[in-house]
């Protein structure tokens, strides 16, 4: 991993999907920022590994402006790395709380973008995709 990507900042988050950090591609001329999610495979049961493989297959097949972009996958030393686009702006709920008032026009725009992504994923993949993280 270190020959192709350099970690650039603190831990962005962690959870069931592993730890996420900002990284930059050494191969991209502009040092394009990406999100690097590290799954510790030693803690993943065989069923969980199958789910990870399935998630990678889904990522590879998708391409939509409102769905995070997939760039790369690597496995090293019992860690699976997923390299995806870096989504900025944070959580929608945090944004609404920060603004204290969320205008109907802004809410409609946000919902429209999310529904475009949900419709795309639900109709593109043969069995449909359930979206569990709408941000």
Protein backbone atom coordinates (compact mmCIF):
# COMPACT_ATOMS: atom_id res chain seq x y z
CA UNK A 1 0.00 0.00 0.00
CA UNK A 2 2.72 2.44 0.96
CA UNK A 3 4.20 2.37 -2.56
CA UNK A 4 0.92 3.66 -4.04
CA UNK A 5 -0.80 5.65 -1.26
CA UNK A 6 0.26 7.91 1.59
CA UNK A 7 -1.99 8.43 4.62
CA UNK A 8 -2.51 12.18 5.06
CA UNK A 9 -4.47 12.77 8.18
CA UNK A 10 -6.08 11.55 11.33
CA UNK A 11 -8.60 8.76 11.58
CA UNK A 12 -11.90 9.93 10.04
CA UNK A 13 -13.99 7.21 11.58
CA UNK A 14 -14.27 3.59 12.54
CA UNK A 15 -17.02 1.06 12.91
CA UNK A 16 -18.27 -2.19 11.47
CA UNK A 17 -16.65 -1.36 8.15
CA UNK A 18 -13.20 -0.77 9.61
CA UNK A 19 -11.14 2.36 10.04
CA UNK A 20 -11.24 5.18 7.49
CA UNK A 21 -8.43 7.64 6.81
CA UNK A 22 -7.69 10.24 4.14
CA UNK A 23 -4.94 9.10 1.79
CA UNK A 24 -3.41 10.40 -1.42
CA UNK A 25 -2.47 8.44 -4.50
CA UNK A 26 1.22 8.62 -5.37
CA UNK A 27 0.31 7.50 -8.91
CA UNK A 28 -2.05 10.42 -9.59
CA UNK A 29 -0.20 13.60 -10.70
CA UNK A 30 -2.23 15.84 -8.39
CA UNK A 31 -1.96 13.49 -5.40
CA UNK A 32 -5.71 12.91 -5.56
CA UNK A 33 -7.25 12.51 -2.11
CA UNK A 34 -9.21 9.35 -1.41
CA UNK A 35 -10.73 7.51 1.52
CA UNK A 36 -8.84 4.41 2.64
CA UNK A 37 -10.90 1.90 4.62
CA UNK A 38 -8.90 -0.85 6.33
CA UNK A 39 -10.73 -4.06 7.24
CA UNK A 40 -8.84 -6.29 9.68
CA UNK A 41 -9.57 -9.68 8.16
CA UNK A 42 -8.48 -11.64 11.24
CA UNK A 43 -11.59 -10.37 13.03
CA UNK A 44 -13.90 -11.13 10.11
CA UNK A 45 -15.79 -14.44 10.11
CA UNK A 46 -16.00 -16.43 6.85
CA UNK A 47 -19.52 -15.10 6.21
CA UNK A 48 -18.22 -11.58 6.75
CA UNK A 49 -15.47 -12.16 4.20
CA UNK A 50 -18.07 -13.23 1.66
CA UNK A 51 -19.99 -10.03 2.41
CA UNK A 52 -16.82 -7.96 1.87
CA UNK A 53 -16.22 -9.65 -1.49
CA UNK A 54 -19.83 -8.92 -2.40
CA UNK A 55 -19.42 -5.27 -1.37
CA UNK A 56 -16.32 -4.94 -3.54
CA UNK A 57 -18.22 -6.45 -6.49
CA UNK A 58 -20.99 -3.90 -5.97
CA UNK A 59 -18.52 -1.01 -5.74
CA UNK A 60 -16.78 -2.09 -8.94
CA UNK A 61 -20.06 -2.21 -10.85
CA UNK A 62 -21.38 1.20 -9.81
CA UNK A 63 -20.73 4.53 -11.45
CA UNK A 64 -23.06 7.41 -10.62
CA UNK A 65 -22.43 11.03 -9.60
CA UNK A 66 -24.32 10.56 -6.32
CA UNK A 67 -22.67 7.26 -5.34
CA UNK A 68 -19.16 7.18 -3.86
CA UNK A 69 -16.61 6.19 -6.49
CA UNK A 70 -14.53 3.04 -6.11
CA UNK A 71 -10.84 3.23 -7.10
CA UNK A 72 -8.91 0.25 -5.79
CA UNK A 73 -8.85 -2.79 -3.50
CA UNK A 74 -5.77 -4.38 -1.96
CA UNK A 75 -5.09 -7.13 0.54
CA UNK A 76 -1.89 -7.01 2.59
CA UNK A 77 -0.93 -8.68 5.85
CA UNK A 78 -4.48 -9.78 6.67
CA UNK A 79 -5.87 -6.30 6.02
CA UNK A 80 -8.22 -5.53 3.14
CA UNK A 81 -7.98 -1.94 1.90
CA UNK A 82 -10.83 -0.32 -0.02
CA UNK A 83 -9.88 2.92 -1.74
CA UNK A 84 -12.86 5.10 -2.60
CA UNK A 85 -13.61 8.70 -3.38
CA UNK A 86 -13.45 11.08 -0.47
CA UNK A 87 -16.86 12.54 0.31
CA UNK A 88 -16.68 15.95 1.93
CA UNK A 89 -19.36 17.88 3.70
CA UNK A 90 -20.18 15.54 6.56
CA UNK A 91 -23.50 14.10 7.61
CA UNK A 92 -26.71 15.73 6.42
CA UNK A 93 -28.23 15.69 9.92
CA UNK A 94 -25.18 17.46 11.36
CA UNK A 95 -25.53 20.08 8.64
CA UNK A 96 -29.23 20.60 9.42
CA UNK A 97 -28.47 21.00 13.13
CA UNK A 98 -25.66 23.44 12.39
CA UNK A 99 -27.90 25.59 10.18
CA UNK A 100 -30.72 25.51 12.77
CA UNK A 101 -33.19 26.04 9.91
CA UNK A 102 -33.19 23.88 6.84
CA UNK A 103 -35.10 25.56 4.03
CA UNK A 104 -37.59 23.46 2.10
CA UNK A 105 -35.73 24.10 -1.15
CA UNK A 106 -32.43 22.82 0.35
CA UNK A 107 -34.13 19.79 1.87
CA UNK A 108 -35.83 18.98 -1.43
CA UNK A 109 -32.51 19.23 -3.26
CA UNK A 110 -30.78 16.90 -0.77
CA UNK A 111 -33.59 14.35 -0.89
CA UNK A 112 -33.65 14.51 -4.70
CA UNK A 113 -29.92 13.70 -4.86
CA UNK A 114 -30.30 10.81 -2.42
CA UNK A 115 -33.29 9.40 -4.29
CA UNK A 116 -31.38 9.55 -7.58
CA UNK A 117 -28.65 7.42 -5.99
CA UNK A 118 -31.14 5.02 -4.36
CA UNK A 119 -33.03 4.58 -7.63
CA UNK A 120 -29.79 3.98 -9.52
CA UNK A 121 -28.50 1.37 -7.09
CA UNK A 122 -31.87 -0.36 -6.74
CA UNK A 123 -32.34 -0.71 -10.48
CA UNK A 124 -28.76 -1.31 -11.66
CA UNK A 125 -27.69 -4.32 -9.60
CA UNK A 126 -29.55 -7.53 -10.58
CA UNK A 127 -31.09 -8.06 -7.14
CA UNK A 128 -31.13 -4.41 -6.13
CA UNK A 129 -28.97 -2.82 -3.46
CA UNK A 130 -30.17 -1.75 -0.05
CA UNK A 131 -28.64 1.60 0.93
CA UNK A 132 -27.69 1.63 4.58
CA UNK A 133 -25.67 4.84 4.59
CA UNK A 134 -27.29 7.84 2.98
CA UNK A 135 -25.06 10.82 3.67
